[in-house]
């Protein structure tokens, strides 16, 4: 049985909003992402995990591979391992997304292709 890691319910601030780690184990994690209206995450991919996003509130545009999709409250999406993706906050309010990641659940496996905030 995996051991629960210490950083449960830790809030991490980002230039595009923030996320809260709800649960983290060696092979999965559950995060709640807050994306500000008009902000966007890096265009990125992950080497060691895939993600499932469930839209809790708000509306975002998602770049997923070569596609652009609209994700609204109650909808969900799978981001495959090594698939480029980006979240863009649109609509009239901020957005909340539940993210469940499977695989090597580590934040440092991000490969950034483009970033509005100068991060590498």
PDB file of N, CA and C in Angstrom:
ATOM      1  N   UNK A   1       0.845  -1.179   0.000  1.00  0.00           N
ATOM      2  CA  UNK A   1       0.000   0.000   0.000  1.00  0.00           C
ATOM      3  C   UNK A   1       0.893   1.245   0.000  1.00  0.00           C
ATOM      4  N   UNK A   2       0.663   2.214  -0.930  1.00  0.00           N
ATOM      5  CA  UNK A   2       1.492   3.413  -0.978  1.00  0.00           C
ATOM      6  C   UNK A   2       1.311   4.264   0.275  1.00  0.00           C
ATOM      7  N   UNK A   3       2.330   5.000   0.604  1.00  0.00           N
ATOM      8  CA  UNK A   3       2.302   5.884   1.759  1.00  0.00           C
ATOM      9  C   UNK A   3       1.890   7.281   1.303  1.00  0.00           C
ATOM     10  N   UNK A   4       0.991   7.899   2.047  1.00  0.00           N
ATOM     11  CA  UNK A   4       0.556   9.259   1.736  1.00  0.00           C
ATOM     12  C   UNK A   4       1.703  10.222   1.988  1.00  0.00           C
ATOM     13  N   UNK A   5       1.962  11.118   1.045  1.00  0.00           N
ATOM     14  CA  UNK A   5       3.070  12.058   1.179  1.00  0.00           C
ATOM     15  C   UNK A   5       2.658  13.269   2.016  1.00  0.00           C
ATOM     16  N   UNK A   6       3.618  13.989   2.553  1.00  0.00           N
ATOM     17  CA  UNK A   6       3.388  15.064   3.512  1.00  0.00           C
ATOM     18  C   UNK A   6       2.687  16.286   2.948  1.00  0.00           C
ATOM     19  N   UNK A   7       2.784  16.555   1.650  1.00  0.00           N
ATOM     20  CA  UNK A   7       2.300  17.832   1.124  1.00  0.00           C
ATOM     21  C   UNK A   7       0.823  17.825   0.743  1.00  0.00           C
ATOM     22  N   UNK A   8       0.025  17.012   1.385  1.00  0.00           N
ATOM     23  CA  UNK A   8      -1.411  16.996   1.142  1.00  0.00           C
ATOM     24  C   UNK A   8      -2.008  18.363   1.505  1.00  0.00           C
ATOM     25  N   UNK A   9      -2.919  18.858   0.670  1.00  0.00           N
ATOM     26  CA  UNK A   9      -3.613  20.130   0.857  1.00  0.00           C
ATOM     27  C   UNK A   9      -2.671  21.328   0.878  1.00  0.00           C
ATOM     28  N   UNK A  10      -1.569  21.228   0.183  1.00  0.00           N
ATOM     29  CA  UNK A  10      -0.624  22.331   0.065  1.00  0.00           C
ATOM     30  C   UNK A  10      -1.032  23.177  -1.138  1.00  0.00           C
ATOM     31  N   UNK A  11      -1.114  24.504  -0.949  1.00  0.00           N
ATOM     32  CA  UNK A  11      -1.460  25.422  -2.034  1.00  0.00           C
ATOM     33  C   UNK A  11      -0.173  25.945  -2.660  1.00  0.00           C
ATOM     34  N   UNK A  12      -0.095  25.840  -3.990  1.00  0.00           N
ATOM     35  CA  UNK A  12       1.050  26.300  -4.758  1.00  0.00           C
ATOM     36  C   UNK A  12       0.586  27.448  -5.650  1.00  0.00           C
ATOM     37  N   UNK A  13       1.185  28.627  -5.481  1.00  0.00           N
ATOM     38  CA  UNK A  13       0.837  29.785  -6.308  1.00  0.00           C
ATOM     39  C   UNK A  13       1.596  29.736  -7.618  1.00  0.00           C
ATOM     40  N   UNK A  14       0.919  30.092  -8.687  1.00  0.00           N
ATOM     41  CA  UNK A  14       1.506  30.169 -10.023  1.00  0.00           C
ATOM     42  C   UNK A  14       1.083  31.494 -10.652  1.00  0.00           C
ATOM     43  N   UNK A  15       1.801  31.970 -11.673  1.00  0.00           N
ATOM     44  CA  UNK A  15       1.419  33.248 -12.296  1.00  0.00           C
ATOM     45  C   UNK A  15       0.020  33.222 -12.917  1.00  0.00           C
ATOM     46  N   UNK A  16      -0.457  32.056 -13.325  1.00  0.00           N
ATOM     47  CA  UNK A  16      -1.767  31.920 -13.959  1.00  0.00           C
ATOM     48  C   UNK A  16      -2.892  31.659 -12.953  1.00  0.00           C
ATOM     49  N   UNK A  17      -2.540  31.430 -11.689  1.00  0.00           N
ATOM     50  CA  UNK A  17      -3.529  31.118 -10.659  1.00  0.00           C
ATOM     51  C   UNK A  17      -2.869  30.360  -9.519  1.00  0.00           C
ATOM     52  N   UNK A  18      -3.389  29.174  -9.228  1.00  0.00           N
ATOM     53  CA  UNK A  18      -2.815  28.346  -8.161  1.00  0.00           C
ATOM     54  C   UNK A  18      -3.357  26.933  -8.292  1.00  0.00           C
ATOM     55  N   UNK A  19      -2.766  26.020  -7.510  1.00  0.00           N
ATOM     56  CA  UNK A  19      -3.360  24.701  -7.367  1.00  0.00           C
ATOM     57  C   UNK A  19      -3.192  24.223  -5.943  1.00  0.00           C
ATOM     58  N   UNK A  20      -4.098  23.339  -5.554  1.00  0.00           N
ATOM     59  CA  UNK A  20      -4.087  22.745  -4.223  1.00  0.00           C
ATOM     60  C   UNK A  20      -3.919  21.242  -4.407  1.00  0.00           C
ATOM     61  N   UNK A  21      -2.927  20.678  -3.740  1.00  0.00           N
ATOM     62  CA  UNK A  21      -2.730  19.229  -3.785  1.00  0.00           C
ATOM     63  C   UNK A  21      -3.679  18.617  -2.766  1.00  0.00           C
ATOM     64  N   UNK A  22      -4.659  17.848  -3.240  1.00  0.00           N
ATOM     65  CA  UNK A  22      -5.635  17.214  -2.360  1.00  0.00           C
ATOM     66  C   UNK A  22      -5.136  15.873  -1.846  1.00  0.00           C
ATOM     67  N   UNK A  23      -4.459  15.140  -2.709  1.00  0.00           N
ATOM     68  CA  UNK A  23      -3.875  13.854  -2.323  1.00  0.00           C
ATOM     69  C   UNK A  23      -2.731  13.542  -3.257  1.00  0.00           C
ATOM     70  N   UNK A  24      -1.653  13.001  -2.708  1.00  0.00           N
ATOM     71  CA  UNK A  24      -0.508  12.650  -3.526  1.00  0.00           C
ATOM     72  C   UNK A  24       0.096  11.356  -3.012  1.00  0.00           C
ATOM     73  N   UNK A  25       0.256  10.430  -3.931  1.00  0.00           N
ATOM     74  CA  UNK A  25       0.924   9.162  -3.641  1.00  0.00           C
ATOM     75  C   UNK A  25       1.975   8.960  -4.712  1.00  0.00           C
ATOM     76  N   UNK A  26       2.735   7.904  -4.636  1.00  0.00           N
ATOM     77  CA  UNK A  26       3.812   7.686  -5.581  1.00  0.00           C
ATOM     78  C   UNK A  26       3.373   7.548  -7.023  1.00  0.00           C
ATOM     79  N   UNK A  27       2.196   6.999  -7.262  1.00  0.00           N
ATOM     80  CA  UNK A  27       1.768   6.703  -8.629  1.00  0.00           C
ATOM     81  C   UNK A  27       0.554   7.512  -9.101  1.00  0.00           C
ATOM     82  N   UNK A  28       0.048   8.413  -8.276  1.00  0.00           N
ATOM     83  CA  UNK A  28      -1.021   9.318  -8.714  1.00  0.00           C
ATOM     84  C   UNK A  28      -1.094  10.514  -7.783  1.00  0.00           C
ATOM     85  N   UNK A  29      -1.762  11.578  -8.261  1.00  0.00           N
ATOM     86  CA  UNK A  29      -2.094  12.695  -7.397  1.00  0.00           C
ATOM     87  C   UNK A  29      -3.402  13.301  -7.847  1.00  0.00           C
ATOM     88  N   UNK A  30      -4.018  14.030  -6.934  1.00  0.00           N
ATOM     89  CA  UNK A  30      -5.262  14.743  -7.212  1.00  0.00           C
ATOM     90  C   UNK A  30      -5.023  16.198  -6.822  1.00  0.00           C
ATOM     91  N   UNK A  31      -5.237  17.087  -7.796  1.00  0.00           N
ATOM     92  CA  UNK A  31      -5.043  18.518  -7.573  1.00  0.00           C
ATOM     93  C   UNK A  31      -6.303  19.261  -8.004  1.00  0.00           C
ATOM     94  N   UNK A  32      -6.529  20.404  -7.372  1.00  0.00           N
ATOM     95  CA  UNK A  32      -7.592  21.311  -7.781  1.00  0.00           C
ATOM     96  C   UNK A  32      -6.912  22.566  -8.302  1.00  0.00           C
ATOM     97  N   UNK A  33      -7.070  22.842  -9.605  1.00  0.00           N
ATOM     98  CA  UNK A  33      -6.429  23.979 -10.255  1.00  0.00           C
ATOM     99  C   UNK A  33      -7.386  25.158 -10.326  1.00  0.00           C
ATOM    100  N   UNK A  34      -6.865  26.340 -10.046  1.00  0.00           N
ATOM    101  CA  UNK A  34      -7.588  27.590 -10.188  1.00  0.00           C
ATOM    102  C   UNK A  34      -6.897  28.375 -11.296  1.00  0.00           C
ATOM    103  N   UNK A  35      -7.610  28.654 -12.392  1.00  0.00           N
ATOM    104  CA  UNK A  35      -7.044  29.387 -13.525  1.00  0.00           C
ATOM    105  C   UNK A  35      -7.789  30.715 -13.636  1.00  0.00           C
ATOM    106  N   UNK A  36      -7.028  31.809 -13.522  1.00  0.00           N
ATOM    107  CA  UNK A  36      -7.631  33.135 -13.607  1.00  0.00           C
ATOM    108  C   UNK A  36      -8.142  33.426 -15.019  1.00  0.00           C
ATOM    109  N   UNK A  37      -9.200  34.180 -15.088  1.00  0.00           N
ATOM    110  CA  UNK A  37      -9.744  34.635 -16.361  1.00  0.00           C
ATOM    111  C   UNK A  37      -8.656  35.400 -17.107  1.00  0.00           C
ATOM    112  N   UNK A  38      -8.403  35.050 -18.363  1.00  0.00           N
ATOM    113  CA  UNK A  38      -7.410  35.721 -19.188  1.00  0.00           C
ATOM    114  C   UNK A  38      -5.993  35.197 -19.032  1.00  0.00           C
ATOM    115  N   UNK A  39      -5.751  34.319 -18.076  1.00  0.00           N
ATOM    116  CA  UNK A  39      -4.408  33.765 -17.863  1.00  0.00           C
ATOM    117  C   UNK A  39      -4.278  32.434 -18.600  1.00  0.00           C
ATOM    118  N   UNK A  40      -3.029  31.997 -18.790  1.00  0.00           N
ATOM    119  CA  UNK A  40      -2.833  30.696 -19.419  1.00  0.00           C
ATOM    120  C   UNK A  40      -1.581  30.022 -18.867  1.00  0.00           C
ATOM    121  N   UNK A  41      -1.660  28.711 -18.826  1.00  0.00           N
ATOM    122  CA  UNK A  41      -0.533  27.909 -18.368  1.00  0.00           C
ATOM    123  C   UNK A  41       0.496  27.823 -19.495  1.00  0.00           C
ATOM    124  N   UNK A  42       1.618  27.211 -19.209  1.00  0.00           N
ATOM    125  CA  UNK A  42       2.628  26.958 -20.245  1.00  0.00           C
ATOM    126  C   UNK A  42       2.061  26.018 -21.299  1.00  0.00           C
ATOM    127  N   UNK A  43       2.602  26.102 -22.509  1.00  0.00           N
ATOM    128  CA  UNK A  43       2.406  25.036 -23.477  1.00  0.00           C
ATOM    129  C   UNK A  43       3.453  24.002 -23.074  1.00  0.00           C
ATOM    130  N   UNK A  44       3.004  22.831 -22.659  1.00  0.00           N
ATOM    131  CA  UNK A  44       3.888  21.877 -22.008  1.00  0.00           C
ATOM    132  C   UNK A  44       3.466  20.438 -22.279  1.00  0.00           C
ATOM    133  N   UNK A  45       4.301  19.520 -21.851  1.00  0.00           N
ATOM    134  CA  UNK A  45       3.939  18.110 -21.797  1.00  0.00           C
ATOM    135  C   UNK A  45       4.625  17.505 -20.571  1.00  0.00           C
ATOM    136  N   UNK A  46       4.275  16.267 -20.277  1.00  0.00           N
ATOM    137  CA  UNK A  46       4.844  15.565 -19.127  1.00  0.00           C
ATOM    138  C   UNK A  46       5.458  14.253 -19.591  1.00  0.00           C
ATOM    139  N   UNK A  47       6.659  13.988 -19.110  1.00  0.00           N
ATOM    140  CA  UNK A  47       7.375  12.764 -19.496  1.00  0.00           C
ATOM    141  C   UNK A  47       6.806  11.523 -18.832  1.00  0.00           C
ATOM    142  N   UNK A  48       6.357  11.651 -17.578  1.00  0.00           N
ATOM    143  CA  UNK A  48       6.056  10.453 -16.812  1.00  0.00           C
ATOM    144  C   UNK A  48       4.638  10.281 -16.351  1.00  0.00           C
ATOM    145  N   UNK A  49       3.694  11.072 -16.872  1.00  0.00           N
ATOM    146  CA  UNK A  49       2.321  10.929 -16.388  1.00  0.00           C
ATOM    147  C   UNK A  49       1.306  11.341 -17.448  1.00  0.00           C
ATOM    148  N   UNK A  50       0.096  10.815 -17.302  1.00  0.00           N
ATOM    149  CA  UNK A  50      -1.044  11.326 -18.054  1.00  0.00           C
ATOM    150  C   UNK A  50      -2.016  11.925 -17.053  1.00  0.00           C
ATOM    151  N   UNK A  51      -2.906  12.795 -17.543  1.00  0.00           N
ATOM    152  CA  UNK A  51      -3.808  13.524 -16.665  1.00  0.00           C
ATOM    153  C   UNK A  51      -5.240  13.428 -17.164  1.00  0.00           C
ATOM    154  N   UNK A  52      -6.161  13.463 -16.215  1.00  0.00           N
ATOM    155  CA  UNK A  52      -7.584  13.598 -16.518  1.00  0.00           C
ATOM    156  C   UNK A  52      -8.041  14.884 -15.849  1.00  0.00           C
ATOM    157  N   UNK A  53      -8.649  15.767 -16.635  1.00  0.00           N
ATOM    158  CA  UNK A  53      -9.157  17.036 -16.113  1.00  0.00           C
ATOM    159  C   UNK A  53     -10.672  16.995 -16.088  1.00  0.00           C
ATOM    160  N   UNK A  54     -11.255  17.408 -14.982  1.00  0.00           N
ATOM    161  CA  UNK A  54     -12.705  17.535 -14.843  1.00  0.00           C
ATOM    162  C   UNK A  54     -12.999  18.999 -14.541  1.00  0.00           C
ATOM    163  N   UNK A  55     -13.790  19.613 -15.407  1.00  0.00           N
ATOM    164  CA  UNK A  55     -14.099  21.034 -15.273  1.00  0.00           C
ATOM    165  C   UNK A  55     -15.152  21.216 -14.189  1.00  0.00           C
ATOM    166  N   UNK A  56     -14.781  21.866 -13.088  1.00  0.00           N
ATOM    167  CA  UNK A  56     -15.702  22.076 -11.971  1.00  0.00           C
ATOM    168  C   UNK A  56     -16.529  23.345 -12.134  1.00  0.00           C
ATOM    169  N   UNK A  57     -15.885  24.431 -12.575  1.00  0.00           N
ATOM    170  CA  UNK A  57     -16.616  25.682 -12.806  1.00  0.00           C
ATOM    171  C   UNK A  57     -15.824  26.552 -13.769  1.00  0.00           C
ATOM    172  N   UNK A  58     -16.548  27.446 -14.431  1.00  0.00           N
ATOM    173  CA  UNK A  58     -15.910  28.325 -15.401  1.00  0.00           C
ATOM    174  C   UNK A  58     -15.852  27.703 -16.783  1.00  0.00           C
ATOM    175  N   UNK A  59     -14.964  28.258 -17.601  1.00  0.00           N
ATOM    176  CA  UNK A  59     -14.812  27.801 -18.978  1.00  0.00           C
ATOM    177  C   UNK A  59     -13.378  28.079 -19.391  1.00  0.00           C
ATOM    178  N   UNK A  60     -12.743  27.110 -20.050  1.00  0.00           N
ATOM    179  CA  UNK A  60     -11.371  27.283 -20.524  1.00  0.00           C
ATOM    180  C   UNK A  60     -11.265  26.811 -21.967  1.00  0.00           C
ATOM    181  N   UNK A  61     -10.286  27.373 -22.643  1.00  0.00           N
ATOM    182  CA  UNK A  61      -9.880  26.849 -23.937  1.00  0.00           C
ATOM    183  C   UNK A  61      -8.669  25.974 -23.666  1.00  0.00           C
ATOM    184  N   UNK A  62      -8.609  24.829 -24.311  1.00  0.00           N
ATOM    185  CA  UNK A  62      -7.503  23.893 -24.106  1.00  0.00           C
ATOM    186  C   UNK A  62      -6.811  23.657 -25.438  1.00  0.00           C
ATOM    187  N   UNK A  63      -5.501  23.772 -25.422  1.00  0.00           N
ATOM    188  CA  UNK A  63      -4.708  23.306 -26.556  1.00  0.00           C
ATOM    189  C   UNK A  63      -4.270  21.898 -26.179  1.00  0.00           C
ATOM    190  N   UNK A  64      -4.622  20.930 -27.012  1.00  0.00           N
ATOM    191  CA  UNK A  64      -4.344  19.516 -26.779  1.00  0.00           C
ATOM    192  C   UNK A  64      -3.774  18.966 -28.070  1.00  0.00           C
ATOM    193  N   UNK A  65      -2.469  18.742 -28.103  1.00  0.00           N
ATOM    194  CA  UNK A  65      -1.835  18.357 -29.354  1.00  0.00           C
ATOM    195  C   UNK A  65      -1.971  19.496 -30.356  1.00  0.00           C
ATOM    196  N   UNK A  66      -2.543  19.199 -31.509  1.00  0.00           N
ATOM    197  CA  UNK A  66      -2.769  20.209 -32.548  1.00  0.00           C
ATOM    198  C   UNK A  66      -4.181  20.783 -32.511  1.00  0.00           C
ATOM    199  N   UNK A  67      -4.994  20.350 -31.537  1.00  0.00           N
ATOM    200  CA  UNK A  67      -6.393  20.776 -31.456  1.00  0.00           C
ATOM    201  C   UNK A  67      -6.597  21.876 -30.426  1.00  0.00           C
ATOM    202  N   UNK A  68      -7.642  22.664 -30.651  1.00  0.00           N
ATOM    203  CA  UNK A  68      -8.106  23.658 -29.679  1.00  0.00           C
ATOM    204  C   UNK A  68      -9.530  23.269 -29.306  1.00  0.00           C
ATOM    205  N   UNK A  69      -9.772  23.126 -27.999  1.00  0.00           N
ATOM    206  CA  UNK A  69     -11.065  22.654 -27.513  1.00  0.00           C
ATOM    207  C   UNK A  69     -11.606  23.610 -26.464  1.00  0.00           C
ATOM    208  N   UNK A  70     -12.917  23.645 -26.331  1.00  0.00           N
ATOM    209  CA  UNK A  70     -13.577  24.400 -25.275  1.00  0.00           C
ATOM    210  C   UNK A  70     -14.007  23.397 -24.207  1.00  0.00           C
ATOM    211  N   UNK A  71     -13.681  23.679 -22.960  1.00  0.00           N
ATOM    212  CA  UNK A  71     -14.042  22.793 -21.857  1.00  0.00           C
ATOM    213  C   UNK A  71     -14.894  23.593 -20.881  1.00  0.00           C
ATOM    214  N   UNK A  72     -16.139  23.106 -20.639  1.00  0.00           N
ATOM    215  CA  UNK A  72     -17.094  23.794 -19.784  1.00  0.00           C
ATOM    216  C   UNK A  72     -17.423  22.933 -18.573  1.00  0.00           C
ATOM    217  N   UNK A  73     -18.073  23.552 -17.615  1.00  0.00           N
ATOM    218  CA  UNK A  73     -18.453  22.894 -16.373  1.00  0.00           C
ATOM    219  C   UNK A  73     -19.091  21.526 -16.629  1.00  0.00           C
ATOM    220  N   UNK A  74     -18.602  20.504 -15.928  1.00  0.00           N
ATOM    221  CA  UNK A  74     -19.137  19.148 -16.042  1.00  0.00           C
ATOM    222  C   UNK A  74     -18.467  18.309 -17.122  1.00  0.00           C
ATOM    223  N   UNK A  75     -17.628  18.902 -17.952  1.00  0.00           N
ATOM    224  CA  UNK A  75     -16.941  18.156 -19.012  1.00  0.00           C
ATOM    225  C   UNK A  75     -15.577  17.698 -18.527  1.00  0.00           C
ATOM    226  N   UNK A  76     -15.037  16.704 -19.203  1.00  0.00           N
ATOM    227  CA  UNK A  76     -13.722  16.184 -18.815  1.00  0.00           C
ATOM    228  C   UNK A  76     -12.899  15.865 -20.041  1.00  0.00           C
ATOM    229  N   UNK A  77     -11.588  15.699 -19.818  1.00  0.00           N
ATOM    230  CA  UNK A  77     -10.643  15.525 -20.910  1.00  0.00           C
ATOM    231  C   UNK A  77      -9.446  14.735 -20.409  1.00  0.00           C
ATOM    232  N   UNK A  78      -8.894  13.889 -21.251  1.00  0.00           N
ATOM    233  CA  UNK A  78      -7.668  13.160 -20.919  1.00  0.00           C
ATOM    234  C   UNK A  78      -6.510  13.757 -21.707  1.00  0.00           C
ATOM    235  N   UNK A  79      -5.424  14.033 -21.006  1.00  0.00           N
ATOM    236  CA  UNK A  79      -4.187  14.500 -21.618  1.00  0.00           C
ATOM    237  C   UNK A  79      -3.195  13.343 -21.530  1.00  0.00           C
ATOM    238  N   UNK A  80      -2.765  12.840 -22.675  1.00  0.00           N
ATOM    239  CA  UNK A  80      -1.871  11.685 -22.702  1.00  0.00           C
ATOM    240  C   UNK A  80      -0.442  12.053 -22.321  1.00  0.00           C
ATOM    241  N   UNK A  81       0.304  11.090 -21.865  1.00  0.00           N
ATOM    242  CA  UNK A  81       1.715  11.282 -21.574  1.00  0.00           C
ATOM    243  C   UNK A  81       2.417  11.796 -22.825  1.00  0.00           C
ATOM    244  N   UNK A  82       3.256  12.803 -22.684  1.00  0.00           N
ATOM    245  CA  UNK A  82       4.044  13.432 -23.747  1.00  0.00           C
ATOM    246  C   UNK A  82       3.205  14.235 -24.739  1.00  0.00           C
ATOM    247  N   UNK A  83       1.916  14.463 -24.464  1.00  0.00           N
ATOM    248  CA  UNK A  83       1.057  15.256 -25.342  1.00  0.00           C
ATOM    249  C   UNK A  83       1.133  16.734 -24.941  1.00  0.00           C
ATOM    250  N   UNK A  84       1.417  17.608 -25.899  1.00  0.00           N
ATOM    251  CA  UNK A  84       1.463  19.044 -25.614  1.00  0.00           C
ATOM    252  C   UNK A  84       0.079  19.524 -25.214  1.00  0.00           C
ATOM    253  N   UNK A  85       0.050  20.421 -24.211  1.00  0.00           N
ATOM    254  CA  UNK A  85      -1.223  20.957 -23.754  1.00  0.00           C
ATOM    255  C   UNK A  85      -1.032  22.305 -23.072  1.00  0.00           C
ATOM    256  N   UNK A  86      -2.131  23.054 -23.034  1.00  0.00           N
ATOM    257  CA  UNK A  86      -2.156  24.374 -22.385  1.00  0.00           C
ATOM    258  C   UNK A  86      -3.596  24.670 -21.999  1.00  0.00           C
ATOM    259  N   UNK A  87      -3.777  25.343 -20.865  1.00  0.00           N
ATOM    260  CA  UNK A  87      -5.100  25.788 -20.412  1.00  0.00           C
ATOM    261  C   UNK A  87      -5.136  27.306 -20.512  1.00  0.00           C
ATOM    262  N   UNK A  88      -6.215  27.833 -21.090  1.00  0.00           N
ATOM    263  CA  UNK A  88      -6.400  29.276 -21.234  1.00  0.00           C
ATOM    264  C   UNK A  88      -7.727  29.648 -20.573  1.00  0.00           C
ATOM    265  N   UNK A  89      -7.671  30.515 -19.557  1.00  0.00           N
ATOM    266  CA  UNK A  89      -8.885  30.950 -18.866  1.00  0.00           C
ATOM    267  C   UNK A  89      -9.679  31.913 -19.735  1.00  0.00           C
ATOM    268  N   UNK A  90     -10.904  31.556 -20.062  1.00  0.00           N
ATOM    269  CA  UNK A  90     -11.773  32.424 -20.869  1.00  0.00           C
ATOM    270  C   UNK A  90     -13.113  32.576 -20.156  1.00  0.00           C
ATOM    271  N   UNK A  91     -14.013  33.277 -20.753  1.00  0.00           N
ATOM    272  CA  UNK A  91     -15.334  33.438 -20.156  1.00  0.00           C
ATOM    273  C   UNK A  91     -15.365  34.623 -19.204  1.00  0.00           C
ATOM    274  N   UNK A  92     -16.411  34.707 -18.429  1.00  0.00           N
ATOM    275  CA  UNK A  92     -16.646  35.856 -17.577  1.00  0.00           C
ATOM    276  C   UNK A  92     -16.167  35.656 -16.145  1.00  0.00           C
ATOM    277  N   UNK A  93     -15.655  34.469 -15.825  1.00  0.00           N
ATOM    278  CA  UNK A  93     -15.197  34.236 -14.457  1.00  0.00           C
ATOM    279  C   UNK A  93     -13.992  33.310 -14.454  1.00  0.00           C
ATOM    280  N   UNK A  94     -13.347  33.217 -13.307  1.00  0.00           N
ATOM    281  CA  UNK A  94     -12.220  32.311 -13.127  1.00  0.00           C
ATOM    282  C   UNK A  94     -12.717  30.861 -13.164  1.00  0.00           C
ATOM    283  N   UNK A  95     -11.781  29.928 -13.336  1.00  0.00           N
ATOM    284  CA  UNK A  95     -12.146  28.522 -13.525  1.00  0.00           C
ATOM    285  C   UNK A  95     -11.480  27.623 -12.489  1.00  0.00           C
ATOM    286  N   UNK A  96     -12.174  26.552 -12.143  1.00  0.00           N
ATOM    287  CA  UNK A  96     -11.650  25.496 -11.264  1.00  0.00           C
ATOM    288  C   UNK A  96     -11.678  24.170 -12.013  1.00  0.00           C
ATOM    289  N   UNK A  97     -10.566  23.453 -11.961  1.00  0.00           N
ATOM    290  CA  UNK A  97     -10.430  22.165 -12.646  1.00  0.00           C
ATOM    291  C   UNK A  97      -9.889  21.149 -11.654  1.00  0.00           C
ATOM    292  N   UNK A  98     -10.488  19.977 -11.618  1.00  0.00           N
ATOM    293  CA  UNK A  98      -9.955  18.870 -10.833  1.00  0.00           C
ATOM    294  C   UNK A  98      -9.042  18.075 -11.750  1.00  0.00           C
ATOM    295  N   UNK A  99      -7.797  17.881 -11.327  1.00  0.00           N
ATOM    296  CA  UNK A  99      -6.817  17.144 -12.133  1.00  0.00           C
ATOM    297  C   UNK A  99      -6.421  15.879 -11.389  1.00  0.00           C
ATOM    298  N   UNK A 100      -6.526  14.749 -12.070  1.00  0.00           N
ATOM    299  CA  UNK A 100      -6.046  13.481 -11.533  1.00  0.00           C
ATOM    300  C   UNK A 100      -4.937  13.019 -12.462  1.00  0.00           C
ATOM    301  N   UNK A 101      -3.740  12.880 -11.924  1.00  0.00           N
ATOM    302  CA  UNK A 101      -2.577  12.476 -12.718  1.00  0.00           C
ATOM    303  C   UNK A 101      -2.158  11.067 -12.314  1.00  0.00           C
ATOM    304  N   UNK A 102      -1.845  10.245 -13.308  1.00  0.00           N
ATOM    305  CA  UNK A 102      -1.411   8.864 -13.078  1.00  0.00           C
ATOM    306  C   UNK A 102      -0.032   8.665 -13.678  1.00  0.00           C
ATOM    307  N   UNK A 103       0.784   7.911 -12.998  1.00  0.00           N
ATOM    308  CA  UNK A 103       2.142   7.652 -13.461  1.00  0.00           C
ATOM    309  C   UNK A 103       3.115   8.195 -12.437  1.00  0.00           C
ATOM    310  N   UNK A 104       4.212   8.737 -12.903  1.00  0.00           N
ATOM    311  CA  UNK A 104       5.182   9.361 -12.003  1.00  0.00           C
ATOM    312  C   UNK A 104       4.685  10.748 -11.661  1.00  0.00           C
ATOM    313  N   UNK A 105       4.020  10.873 -10.542  1.00  0.00           N
ATOM    314  CA  UNK A 105       3.372  12.123 -10.141  1.00  0.00           C
ATOM    315  C   UNK A 105       4.402  13.068  -9.536  1.00  0.00           C
ATOM    316  N   UNK A 106       5.114  13.753 -10.420  1.00  0.00           N
ATOM    317  CA  UNK A 106       6.141  14.707  -9.999  1.00  0.00           C
ATOM    318  C   UNK A 106       5.987  15.981 -10.820  1.00  0.00           C
ATOM    319  N   UNK A 107       6.068  17.112 -10.163  1.00  0.00           N
ATOM    320  CA  UNK A 107       5.908  18.389 -10.860  1.00  0.00           C
ATOM    321  C   UNK A 107       7.098  18.687 -11.771  1.00  0.00           C
ATOM    322  N   UNK A 108       8.267  18.172 -11.457  1.00  0.00           N
ATOM    323  CA  UNK A 108       9.455  18.515 -12.248  1.00  0.00           C
ATOM    324  C   UNK A 108       9.584  17.725 -13.561  1.00  0.00           C
ATOM    325  N   UNK A 109       8.571  16.955 -13.936  1.00  0.00           N
ATOM    326  CA  UNK A 109       8.637  16.269 -15.234  1.00  0.00           C
ATOM    327  C   UNK A 109       8.068  17.117 -16.376  1.00  0.00           C
ATOM    328  N   UNK A 110       7.809  18.402 -16.099  1.00  0.00           N
ATOM    329  CA  UNK A 110       7.252  19.306 -17.118  1.00  0.00           C
ATOM    330  C   UNK A 110       8.325  19.661 -18.150  1.00  0.00           C
ATOM    331  N   UNK A 111       7.944  19.554 -19.416  1.00  0.00           N
ATOM    332  CA  UNK A 111       8.756  20.080 -20.516  1.00  0.00           C
ATOM    333  C   UNK A 111       7.971  21.260 -21.070  1.00  0.00           C
ATOM    334  N   UNK A 112       8.519  22.467 -20.930  1.00  0.00           N
ATOM    335  CA  UNK A 112       7.831  23.670 -21.409  1.00  0.00           C
ATOM    336  C   UNK A 112       8.298  24.022 -22.816  1.00  0.00           C
ATOM    337  N   UNK A 113       7.330  24.324 -23.680  1.00  0.00           N
ATOM    338  CA  UNK A 113       7.607  24.749 -25.046  1.00  0.00           C
ATOM    339  C   UNK A 113       7.434  26.256 -25.204  1.00  0.00           C
ATOM    340  N   UNK A 114       6.412  26.809 -24.540  1.00  0.00           N
ATOM    341  CA  UNK A 114       6.148  28.248 -24.532  1.00  0.00           C
ATOM    342  C   UNK A 114       5.621  28.614 -23.151  1.00  0.00           C
ATOM    343  N   UNK A 115       6.025  29.805 -22.676  1.00  0.00           N
ATOM    344  CA  UNK A 115       5.569  30.240 -21.364  1.00  0.00           C
ATOM    345  C   UNK A 115       5.496  31.761 -21.340  1.00  0.00           C
ATOM    346  N   UNK A 116       4.351  32.296 -20.937  1.00  0.00           N
ATOM    347  CA  UNK A 116       4.137  33.740 -20.877  1.00  0.00           C
ATOM    348  C   UNK A 116       4.920  34.406 -19.755  1.00  0.00           C
ATOM    349  N   UNK A 117       5.425  33.625 -18.816  1.00  0.00           N
ATOM    350  CA  UNK A 117       6.004  34.160 -17.591  1.00  0.00           C
ATOM    351  C   UNK A 117       7.521  33.926 -17.502  1.00  0.00           C
ATOM    352  N   UNK A 118       8.153  33.506 -18.603  1.00  0.00           N
ATOM    353  CA  UNK A 118       9.602  33.356 -18.650  1.00  0.00           C
ATOM    354  C   UNK A 118      10.152  32.137 -17.937  1.00  0.00           C
ATOM    355  N   UNK A 119       9.290  31.187 -17.596  1.00  0.00           N
ATOM    356  CA  UNK A 119       9.773  29.968 -16.934  1.00  0.00           C
ATOM    357  C   UNK A 119      10.355  29.011 -17.945  1.00  0.00           C
ATOM    358  N   UNK A 120      11.332  28.229 -17.553  1.00  0.00           N
ATOM    359  CA  UNK A 120      11.987  27.241 -18.433  1.00  0.00           C
ATOM    360  C   UNK A 120      11.494  25.852 -18.130  1.00  0.00           C
TER     361      UNK A 120
END
